[in-house]
Structure formats: structure tokens, C-alpha cells
Amino acid sequence: MSGRYDAIVLLGYALDGQDRPTQELCLRAQAAARAYAQGMAKVIVASGGAAPGHDITEAAVMARLLGEAGVPEGAVVLEDQSQNTMENMRFAAQKLGGAKGRRVLVVTSDYHLRRAVMTARRVGFRAKGCAAALAHDALWQKKRNQELAYTVDLLMGWQDEGKSRPQWTYALFDAVFGKKPA
């Protein structure tokens, strides 16, 4: 298995209330396992920390799902500290010995893929994407619309190290989506 990429970076997704994977997380892990089986890379970085109120990290759950899908344990690198997409990429870069020039295949949900690949490139990866396709229902549409706001954050540089979004944007986000951005 030579691999077209230096690594597959699998992005986590929130666990349910009992620390079990959601359907969306399972679909992401399945897409990464397929890419691995196709020889896209020799390693998968499972990236996702523990959200408040959870006893296990998203990375640990993804590692279990990848193992169940036939990915050898030695091919999975856990990145278990990140809490958002920018941290996923920064911490994955640390696990891989840096981002500059590294070719990665980013695996995430279809609505999230464009921003995730843009974020990987902003960190310094040479990134392409692989989408886990979800049902395009009302919840998917809401998530897709929120991605537009998060993409503005990224393009404005508000996710860069040491930067933060202006306070007025939180009120706007609340008014449009009913909650503050991550």
C-alpha cells in the first residue's frame, strides 16, 4: 500500500448522551476506513477530544469504529485534544510532525468538507477531501447554513492563532441560528 496521501485526517463529531457514536460519526469513520482500504494512506489520524460531560474522546470512539471496519490498530493515530476544526488540523499536524508540504485526505461530513479542507490548507497541509454523505434533510440544511458562517470566520482570520471573532458577531449568529458558534 503506497498511498497517495501521507495521512487520512478523520474529523470527529459529537457523541450521544451515553458516549456512543452518532450516525454521522459512524458514516465519517466508514468513509475513512474505505479510503484506507483503497490504499489512500498508511495512517489515519482520528481527531477529536472529549466534549464537556463526556467520559471518552471522539478519537477513541473513532479508533474503535475503524478497528471494527478492519483498520489495523497500528495504522490509527489518536489526536484526542481538539475541540473544533482548526484545532483538529493544528493538533493533527503536531501528530504528523508538521503540516508543511504533507499531503492529507480530510474525511468529514459532506456539508463540512469545504471548510475542513480550507482549514487544513490554512494550517499548511496539501489537502483534498473525502465526504461522508448524509441524508439531506432539514437538520442537514441547518448544518450546511451554519457552515457558511463558520467559513466567514475562517476567511476573516478569526480562527487564526491569537485571534477572536468580534463580539457583535455572536449576537448576529444567535439571531440567525439560535446558538453561539463553536
Protein backbone atom coordinates (compact mmCIF):
# COMPACT_ATOMS: atom_id res chain seq x y z
CA MET A 1 0.00 0.00 0.00
CA SER A 2 1.96 3.03 -1.20
CA GLY A 3 -0.67 5.71 -0.52
CA ARG A 4 -1.46 8.84 -2.44
CA TYR A 5 -1.51 10.79 0.84
CA ASP A 6 0.77 11.00 3.84
CA ALA A 7 -2.27 10.53 6.09
CA ILE A 8 -6.02 10.46 6.28
CA VAL A 9 -7.31 13.00 8.81
CA LEU A 10 -10.66 11.82 10.16
CA LEU A 11 -12.59 14.56 11.91
CA GLY A 12 -14.71 13.74 14.94
CA TYR A 13 -18.32 14.56 15.64
CA ALA A 14 -20.25 14.82 18.89
CA LEU A 15 -21.12 11.62 20.73
CA ASP A 16 -24.63 10.97 22.00
CA GLY A 17 -25.55 11.38 25.67
CA GLN A 18 -24.30 7.88 26.53
CA ASP A 19 -20.87 8.35 24.91
CA ARG A 20 -21.90 6.34 21.85
CA PRO A 21 -21.16 7.37 18.27
CA THR A 22 -23.89 9.16 16.37
CA GLN A 23 -24.86 8.01 12.90
CA GLU A 24 -22.92 10.94 11.47
CA LEU A 25 -19.73 9.90 13.26
CA CYS A 26 -20.19 6.31 12.09
CA LEU A 27 -20.53 7.48 8.49
CA ARG A 28 -17.33 9.52 8.78
CA ALA A 29 -15.42 6.54 10.21
CA GLN A 30 -16.77 4.24 7.47
CA ALA A 31 -15.62 6.70 4.78
CA ALA A 32 -12.13 6.84 6.32
CA ALA A 33 -11.95 3.05 6.57
CA ARG A 34 -12.89 2.75 2.88
CA ALA A 35 -10.21 5.27 1.91
CA TYR A 36 -7.66 3.32 3.95
CA ALA A 37 -8.74 0.02 2.36
CA GLN A 38 -8.32 1.63 -1.08
CA GLY A 39 -4.70 2.40 -0.20
CA MET A 40 -5.09 6.17 0.04
CA ALA A 41 -2.71 6.33 3.04
CA LYS A 42 -0.95 4.10 5.54
CA VAL A 43 -2.16 6.03 8.57
CA ILE A 44 -5.40 7.59 9.82
CA VAL A 45 -5.31 10.42 12.35
CA ALA A 46 -8.55 10.14 14.34
CA SER A 47 -9.04 13.71 15.54
CA GLY A 48 -11.44 14.74 18.29
CA GLY A 49 -11.30 15.39 22.03
CA ALA A 50 -13.83 14.85 24.78
CA ALA A 51 -16.69 17.32 24.86
CA PRO A 52 -17.86 18.63 28.24
CA GLY A 53 -19.94 16.00 30.02
CA HIS A 54 -18.37 13.08 28.15
CA ASP A 55 -16.03 10.46 29.59
CA ILE A 56 -14.46 9.36 26.31
CA THR A 57 -12.90 11.19 23.39
CA GLU A 58 -14.29 11.21 19.88
CA ALA A 59 -10.85 9.94 18.76
CA ALA A 60 -11.13 6.84 20.97
CA VAL A 61 -14.61 6.08 19.65
CA MET A 62 -13.43 6.54 16.06
CA ALA A 63 -10.46 4.24 16.68
CA ARG A 64 -12.87 1.53 17.84
CA LEU A 65 -15.09 2.07 14.78
CA LEU A 66 -12.06 1.93 12.47
CA GLY A 67 -10.92 -1.30 14.10
CA GLU A 68 -14.37 -2.82 13.62
CA ALA A 69 -14.08 -1.83 9.94
CA GLY A 70 -10.80 -3.70 9.56
CA VAL A 71 -8.24 -0.91 10.00
CA PRO A 72 -5.27 -2.24 11.99
CA GLU A 73 -4.74 -0.60 15.38
CA GLY A 74 -1.19 0.37 14.41
CA ALA A 75 -2.49 2.43 11.49
CA VAL A 76 -4.56 4.72 13.73
CA VAL A 77 -3.02 7.74 15.45
CA LEU A 78 -5.17 9.35 18.16
CA GLU A 79 -5.42 13.11 18.36
CA ASP A 80 -7.63 13.45 21.42
CA GLN A 81 -7.37 17.11 22.47
CA SER A 82 -9.14 19.12 19.75
CA GLN A 83 -12.49 20.83 20.25
CA ASN A 84 -13.04 22.39 16.81
CA THR A 85 -11.95 22.12 13.17
CA MET A 86 -8.96 24.45 13.48
CA GLU A 87 -7.68 22.50 16.48
CA ASN A 88 -8.29 19.23 14.60
CA MET A 89 -5.87 20.42 11.93
CA ARG A 90 -3.29 22.03 14.21
CA PHE A 91 -3.10 19.03 16.52
CA ALA A 92 -3.13 16.54 13.62
CA ALA A 93 -0.18 18.45 12.19
CA GLN A 94 1.66 18.01 15.50
CA LYS A 95 0.96 14.27 15.44
CA LEU A 96 2.33 14.07 11.89
CA GLY A 97 5.49 16.08 12.61
CA GLY A 98 4.23 19.26 10.93
CA ALA A 99 1.84 20.22 8.16
CA LYS A 100 4.07 21.96 5.65
CA GLY A 101 4.03 20.01 2.43
CA ARG A 102 2.24 16.99 3.88
CA ARG A 103 -0.49 15.54 1.70
CA VAL A 104 -3.64 14.69 3.67
CA LEU A 105 -7.06 13.38 2.80
CA VAL A 106 -9.57 15.06 5.10
CA VAL A 107 -12.62 12.92 5.90
CA THR A 108 -15.71 14.61 7.31
CA SER A 109 -19.39 15.12 6.57
CA ASP A 110 -20.35 16.43 3.15
CA TYR A 111 -21.70 19.77 4.45
CA HIS A 112 -18.46 20.35 6.42
CA LEU A 113 -15.92 19.25 3.81
CA ARG A 114 -15.20 22.53 2.03
CA ARG A 115 -14.35 24.43 5.22
CA ALA A 116 -12.42 21.49 6.67
CA VAL A 117 -10.19 21.30 3.59
CA MET A 118 -9.75 25.10 3.61
CA THR A 119 -8.76 24.90 7.29
CA ALA A 120 -6.25 22.11 6.58
CA ARG A 121 -4.68 24.22 3.85
CA ARG A 122 -4.58 27.26 6.13
CA VAL A 123 -2.55 25.19 8.62
CA GLY A 124 -0.15 24.21 5.82
CA PHE A 125 -1.34 20.82 4.62
CA ARG A 126 -1.71 19.99 0.94
CA ALA A 127 -5.26 18.77 1.44
CA LYS A 128 -8.03 17.11 -0.52
CA GLY A 129 -11.34 15.93 0.83
CA CYS A 130 -13.45 12.81 1.12
CA ALA A 131 -17.09 13.32 2.08
CA ALA A 132 -19.25 11.11 4.23
CA ALA A 133 -22.64 11.62 2.59
CA LEU A 134 -25.57 12.27 4.89
CA ALA A 135 -29.30 12.39 4.29
CA HIS A 136 -30.11 15.86 3.01
CA ASP A 137 -32.91 16.59 5.45
CA ALA A 138 -33.84 19.74 7.42
CA LEU A 139 -31.08 19.15 10.01
CA TRP A 140 -28.51 18.77 7.23
CA GLN A 141 -29.69 22.05 5.68
CA LYS A 142 -29.32 23.84 9.03
CA LYS A 143 -25.78 22.46 9.46
CA ARG A 144 -24.94 23.50 5.90
CA ASN A 145 -26.17 27.02 6.56
CA GLN A 146 -24.12 27.24 9.76
CA GLU A 147 -21.06 26.18 7.78
CA LEU A 148 -21.40 29.39 5.77
CA ALA A 149 -20.98 31.42 8.96
CA TYR A 150 -18.01 29.32 10.10
CA THR A 151 -16.44 29.75 6.66
CA VAL A 152 -16.69 33.53 7.06
CA ASP A 153 -14.86 33.11 10.39
CA LEU A 154 -12.10 31.24 8.62
CA LEU A 155 -11.82 33.68 5.72
CA MET A 156 -11.75 36.68 8.06
CA GLY A 157 -8.91 35.10 10.02
CA TRP A 158 -10.95 34.90 13.23
CA GLN A 159 -9.86 31.27 13.73
CA ASP A 160 -6.16 32.06 13.41
CA GLU A 161 -3.85 31.68 16.40
CA GLY A 162 -4.33 34.53 18.87
CA LYS A 163 -7.36 35.99 17.06
CA SER A 164 -11.02 36.02 18.01
CA ARG A 165 -14.22 37.00 16.36
CA PRO A 166 -15.71 40.44 17.14
CA GLN A 167 -18.32 40.43 19.90
CA TRP A 168 -21.09 41.72 17.60
CA THR A 169 -20.88 38.56 15.50
CA TYR A 170 -22.09 36.44 18.43
CA ALA A 171 -25.37 38.36 18.61
CA LEU A 172 -25.80 38.02 14.85
CA PHE A 173 -25.09 34.28 14.97
CA ASP A 174 -27.57 33.88 17.85
CA ALA A 175 -30.25 35.75 15.90
CA VAL A 176 -29.78 33.65 12.76
CA PHE A 177 -29.02 30.20 14.18
CA GLY A 178 -30.16 30.31 17.80
CA LYS A 179 -26.78 29.49 19.34
CA LYS A 180 -23.22 30.72 19.51
CA PRO A 181 -20.62 29.27 17.12
CA ALA A 182 -18.02 26.79 18.31
